[in-house]
Amino acid sequence: MVVLIVTAVKPGLRGELTRWLIEPHAGTFVGNASARILDRLWERVVNDVKEGSAVMIFSARTEQGFSVRLHGDRSRVPTDFEGITLIKRRVDKSTPAVQPQN
């Protein structure tokens, strides 16, 4: 099983992805494909994503049962924590922290 989410990509790439996966919502693709096909789809996405971003979550033999690949937007980074993948959010230090209201 694979879930692939793309944002701000050309319609041609979305059309290419629909050859292998279904698109139940704009930019969200779901399906089953071999590891070889997933690797080739990911290469295509990485090459074609310019200003956009992509997230691929796919079945894998890990403790969680899946693996994550990210490309583009770097506000979230997959981080290994004792064999489990967690998503680490980067904080923009130029933005002031929200102060609690009394």
C-alpha atoms as a PDB file:
ATOM      1  CA  MET A   1       0.000   0.000   0.000  1.00  0.00           C
ATOM      2  CA  VAL A   2       1.212   3.485  -0.814  1.00  0.00           C
ATOM      3  CA  VAL A   3      -0.105   6.985  -0.162  1.00  0.00           C
ATOM      4  CA  LEU A   4       1.518   9.788  -2.161  1.00  0.00           C
ATOM      5  CA  ILE A   5       0.624  13.425  -1.531  1.00  0.00           C
ATOM      6  CA  VAL A   6       1.861  16.161  -3.873  1.00  0.00           C
ATOM      7  CA  THR A   7       1.283  19.904  -3.762  1.00  0.00           C
ATOM      8  CA  ALA A   8       1.878  22.591  -6.387  1.00  0.00           C
ATOM      9  CA  VAL A   9       2.888  20.212  -9.182  1.00  0.00           C
ATOM     10  CA  LYS A  10       2.157  20.292 -12.896  1.00  0.00           C
ATOM     11  CA  PRO A  11      -0.939  18.463 -14.179  1.00  0.00           C
ATOM     12  CA  GLY A  12       1.308  16.235 -16.320  1.00  0.00           C
ATOM     13  CA  LEU A  13       2.889  14.704 -13.221  1.00  0.00           C
ATOM     14  CA  ARG A  14      -0.525  14.097 -11.673  1.00  0.00           C
ATOM     15  CA  GLY A  15      -1.606  12.415 -14.912  1.00  0.00           C
ATOM     16  CA  GLU A  16       1.477  10.197 -14.851  1.00  0.00           C
ATOM     17  CA  LEU A  17       0.752   9.149 -11.279  1.00  0.00           C
ATOM     18  CA  THR A  18      -2.823   8.166 -12.162  1.00  0.00           C
ATOM     19  CA  ARG A  19      -1.424   5.461 -14.432  1.00  0.00           C
ATOM     20  CA  TRP A  20      -0.365   3.561 -11.313  1.00  0.00           C
ATOM     21  CA  LEU A  21      -2.444   4.989  -8.458  1.00  0.00           C
ATOM     22  CA  ILE A  22      -5.937   6.385  -7.930  1.00  0.00           C
ATOM     23  CA  GLU A  23      -6.480  10.048  -7.006  1.00  0.00           C
ATOM     24  CA  PRO A  24      -9.391  10.138  -4.508  1.00  0.00           C
ATOM     25  CA  HIS A  25      -8.672  13.789  -3.676  1.00  0.00           C
ATOM     26  CA  ALA A  26      -6.704  16.429  -5.560  1.00  0.00           C
ATOM     27  CA  GLY A  27      -2.996  15.714  -5.087  1.00  0.00           C
ATOM     28  CA  THR A  28      -3.545  12.566  -2.995  1.00  0.00           C
ATOM     29  CA  PHE A  29      -2.780   9.223  -4.630  1.00  0.00           C
ATOM     30  CA  VAL A  30      -3.382   5.756  -3.183  1.00  0.00           C
ATOM     31  CA  GLY A  31      -2.655   2.267  -4.430  1.00  0.00           C
ATOM     32  CA  ASN A  32      -0.503  -0.833  -4.486  1.00  0.00           C
ATOM     33  CA  ALA A  33       2.679  -1.087  -6.501  1.00  0.00           C
ATOM     34  CA  SER A  34       5.907  -3.042  -6.393  1.00  0.00           C
ATOM     35  CA  ALA A  35       9.006  -1.567  -4.764  1.00  0.00           C
ATOM     36  CA  ARG A  36      10.499  -1.076  -8.212  1.00  0.00           C
ATOM     37  CA  ILE A  37       7.503   0.940  -9.432  1.00  0.00           C
ATOM     38  CA  LEU A  38       7.448   3.003  -6.221  1.00  0.00           C
ATOM     39  CA  ASP A  39      11.136   3.850  -6.628  1.00  0.00           C
ATOM     40  CA  ARG A  40      10.581   4.952 -10.220  1.00  0.00           C
ATOM     41  CA  LEU A  41       7.499   6.990  -9.318  1.00  0.00           C
ATOM     42  CA  TRP A  42       9.435   8.671  -6.517  1.00  0.00           C
ATOM     43  CA  GLU A  43      12.319   9.508  -8.889  1.00  0.00           C
ATOM     44  CA  ARG A  44       9.810  11.052 -11.308  1.00  0.00           C
ATOM     45  CA  VAL A  45       8.187  13.076  -8.522  1.00  0.00           C
ATOM     46  CA  VAL A  46      11.538  14.341  -7.208  1.00  0.00           C
ATOM     47  CA  ASN A  47      12.624  15.359 -10.723  1.00  0.00           C
ATOM     48  CA  ASP A  48       9.341  17.120 -11.544  1.00  0.00           C
ATOM     49  CA  VAL A  49       8.534  18.862  -8.248  1.00  0.00           C
ATOM     50  CA  LYS A  50       9.876  22.388  -8.554  1.00  0.00           C
ATOM     51  CA  GLU A  51       8.162  24.736  -6.103  1.00  0.00           C
ATOM     52  CA  GLY A  52       5.891  22.040  -4.704  1.00  0.00           C
ATOM     53  CA  SER A  53       6.402  19.234  -2.244  1.00  0.00           C
ATOM     54  CA  ALA A  54       5.765  15.509  -1.955  1.00  0.00           C
ATOM     55  CA  VAL A  55       5.220  12.954   0.791  1.00  0.00           C
ATOM     56  CA  MET A  56       5.226   9.208   0.167  1.00  0.00           C
ATOM     57  CA  ILE A  57       4.120   6.763   2.864  1.00  0.00           C
ATOM     58  CA  PHE A  58       4.454   3.123   1.887  1.00  0.00           C
ATOM     59  CA  SER A  59       4.346  -0.340   3.413  1.00  0.00           C
ATOM     60  CA  ALA A  60       7.715  -1.554   4.641  1.00  0.00           C
ATOM     61  CA  ARG A  61       9.128  -4.175   6.970  1.00  0.00           C
ATOM     62  CA  THR A  62       9.688  -1.821   9.877  1.00  0.00           C
ATOM     63  CA  GLU A  63       8.394  -1.723  13.440  1.00  0.00           C
ATOM     64  CA  GLN A  64       5.657   0.663  12.328  1.00  0.00           C
ATOM     65  CA  GLY A  65       4.855  -1.244   9.152  1.00  0.00           C
ATOM     66  CA  PHE A  66       5.572   1.728   6.894  1.00  0.00           C
ATOM     67  CA  SER A  67       8.285   4.146   5.766  1.00  0.00           C
ATOM     68  CA  VAL A  68       8.139   7.833   4.858  1.00  0.00           C
ATOM     69  CA  ARG A  69       9.839   9.861   2.109  1.00  0.00           C
ATOM     70  CA  LEU A  70       9.629  13.660   1.905  1.00  0.00           C
ATOM     71  CA  HIS A  71      10.719  16.075  -0.801  1.00  0.00           C
ATOM     72  CA  GLY A  72      10.372  19.841  -1.060  1.00  0.00           C
ATOM     73  CA  ASP A  73       9.002  21.719   1.947  1.00  0.00           C
ATOM     74  CA  ARG A  74      11.441  21.273   4.841  1.00  0.00           C
ATOM     75  CA  SER A  75       9.184  22.407   7.688  1.00  0.00           C
ATOM     76  CA  ARG A  76       8.762  18.724   8.601  1.00  0.00           C
ATOM     77  CA  VAL A  77      11.623  16.234   8.689  1.00  0.00           C
ATOM     78  CA  PRO A  78      11.397  12.480   9.306  1.00  0.00           C
ATOM     79  CA  THR A  79      13.584  11.604  12.281  1.00  0.00           C
ATOM     80  CA  ASP A  80      14.563   8.143  13.492  1.00  0.00           C
ATOM     81  CA  PHE A  81      13.916   7.720  17.206  1.00  0.00           C
ATOM     82  CA  GLU A  82      15.080   4.307  18.392  1.00  0.00           C
ATOM     83  CA  GLY A  83      13.840   2.608  15.223  1.00  0.00           C
ATOM     84  CA  ILE A  84      10.569   4.520  14.956  1.00  0.00           C
ATOM     85  CA  THR A  85      10.103   7.333  12.445  1.00  0.00           C
ATOM     86  CA  LEU A  86       8.729  10.512  13.958  1.00  0.00           C
ATOM     87  CA  ILE A  87       8.041  13.761  12.140  1.00  0.00           C
ATOM     88  CA  LYS A  88       9.992  16.672  13.543  1.00  0.00           C
ATOM     89  CA  ARG A  89       8.555  20.113  12.877  1.00  0.00           C
ATOM     90  CA  ARG A  90      10.982  22.945  12.374  1.00  0.00           C
ATOM     91  CA  VAL A  91      10.110  26.193  14.108  1.00  0.00           C
ATOM     92  CA  ASP A  92      10.710  29.497  12.342  1.00  0.00           C
ATOM     93  CA  LYS A  93      12.750  31.443  14.892  1.00  0.00           C
ATOM     94  CA  SER A  94      11.874  34.762  13.221  1.00  0.00           C
ATOM     95  CA  THR A  95       8.224  34.311  14.196  1.00  0.00           C
ATOM     96  CA  PRO A  96       7.534  35.336  17.809  1.00  0.00           C
ATOM     97  CA  ALA A  97       6.121  32.657  20.069  1.00  0.00           C
ATOM     98  CA  VAL A  98       2.482  32.968  20.999  1.00  0.00           C
ATOM     99  CA  GLN A  99       2.123  34.228  24.543  1.00  0.00           C
ATOM    100  CA  PRO A 100      -0.572  32.652  26.741  1.00  0.00           C
ATOM    101  CA  GLN A 101      -3.496  34.955  27.504  1.00  0.00           C
ATOM    102  CA  ASN A 102      -4.703  35.426  31.068  1.00  0.00           C
END
